């Protein structure tokens, strides 16, 4: 899980919020009662959540890394 977070760099407020939301949602998805979503699914949901408050937000993340985990 922490390896995945290394592929979402730190940045401004919205970028850091993305990291926080991703971390929380990903941990839930990996739990025993989790929804068993892929890393990419969780990332896309997290980006969508950030864009609700920051519509012009352009997330930074390692696309190749998350393609492999989609």
Protein backbone atom coordinates (compact mmCIF):
# COMPACT_ATOMS: atom_id res chain seq x y z
CA UNK A 1 0.00 0.00 0.00
CA UNK A 2 2.75 2.46 0.85
CA UNK A 3 4.48 1.54 -2.41
CA UNK A 4 1.34 2.61 -4.27
CA UNK A 5 1.30 5.96 -2.48
CA UNK A 6 4.85 6.61 -3.72
CA UNK A 7 3.34 6.79 -7.24
CA UNK A 8 1.06 9.69 -6.26
CA UNK A 9 3.46 12.57 -5.58
CA UNK A 10 2.99 15.24 -2.95
CA UNK A 11 1.98 18.65 -4.23
CA UNK A 12 -0.48 21.44 -3.58
CA UNK A 13 -3.54 21.22 -1.38
CA UNK A 14 -5.70 19.27 -3.83
CA UNK A 15 -2.87 16.86 -4.69
CA UNK A 16 -2.20 16.18 -1.02
CA UNK A 17 -5.92 15.71 -0.43
CA UNK A 18 -5.90 13.16 -3.25
CA UNK A 19 -3.15 11.23 -1.49
CA UNK A 20 -5.10 11.25 1.77
CA UNK A 21 -8.38 10.15 0.18
CA UNK A 22 -6.61 7.49 -1.88
CA UNK A 23 -4.85 6.11 1.20
CA UNK A 24 -8.05 5.89 3.23
CA UNK A 25 -10.12 4.35 0.45
CA UNK A 26 -7.40 1.91 -0.54
CA UNK A 27 -6.93 0.70 3.02
CA UNK A 28 -10.68 0.09 3.25
CA UNK A 29 -10.68 -1.78 -0.07
CA UNK A 30 -7.94 -4.09 1.20
CA UNK A 31 -9.64 -4.90 4.50
CA UNK A 32 -11.43 -8.16 5.24
CA UNK A 33 -14.80 -6.57 4.55
CA UNK A 34 -13.44 -4.35 1.78
CA UNK A 35 -14.93 -3.95 -1.65
CA UNK A 36 -11.84 -5.56 -3.25
CA UNK A 37 -11.32 -2.80 -5.79
CA UNK A 38 -8.14 -2.46 -7.82
CA UNK A 39 -5.65 0.30 -7.11
CA UNK A 40 -6.67 2.05 -10.33
CA UNK A 41 -10.38 1.91 -9.45
CA UNK A 42 -9.68 3.46 -6.06
CA UNK A 43 -7.48 6.12 -7.66
CA UNK A 44 -10.13 7.09 -10.22
CA UNK A 45 -12.80 7.31 -7.50
CA UNK A 46 -10.47 9.45 -5.41
CA UNK A 47 -9.76 11.79 -8.32
CA UNK A 48 -13.50 12.12 -8.99
CA UNK A 49 -14.06 13.04 -5.35
CA UNK A 50 -11.39 15.77 -5.44
CA UNK A 51 -12.82 17.18 -8.68
CA UNK A 52 -16.15 17.75 -6.93
CA UNK A 53 -14.45 20.52 -4.91
CA UNK A 54 -11.69 21.39 -7.40
CA UNK A 55 -13.14 20.97 -10.93
CA UNK A 56 -9.96 22.15 -12.67
CA UNK A 57 -7.68 19.84 -10.69
CA UNK A 58 -5.18 17.92 -12.80
CA UNK A 59 -3.95 15.00 -10.70
CA UNK A 60 -0.37 13.84 -10.80
CA UNK A 61 0.28 10.12 -10.62
CA UNK A 62 2.31 7.44 -12.35
CA UNK A 63 -0.04 6.33 -15.12
CA UNK A 64 2.05 3.29 -16.09
CA UNK A 65 2.13 2.03 -12.52
CA UNK A 66 -1.65 2.26 -12.13
CA UNK A 67 -2.31 0.76 -15.59
CA UNK A 68 -0.63 -2.41 -14.36
CA UNK A 69 -2.87 -2.41 -11.30
CA UNK A 70 -6.12 -1.81 -13.12
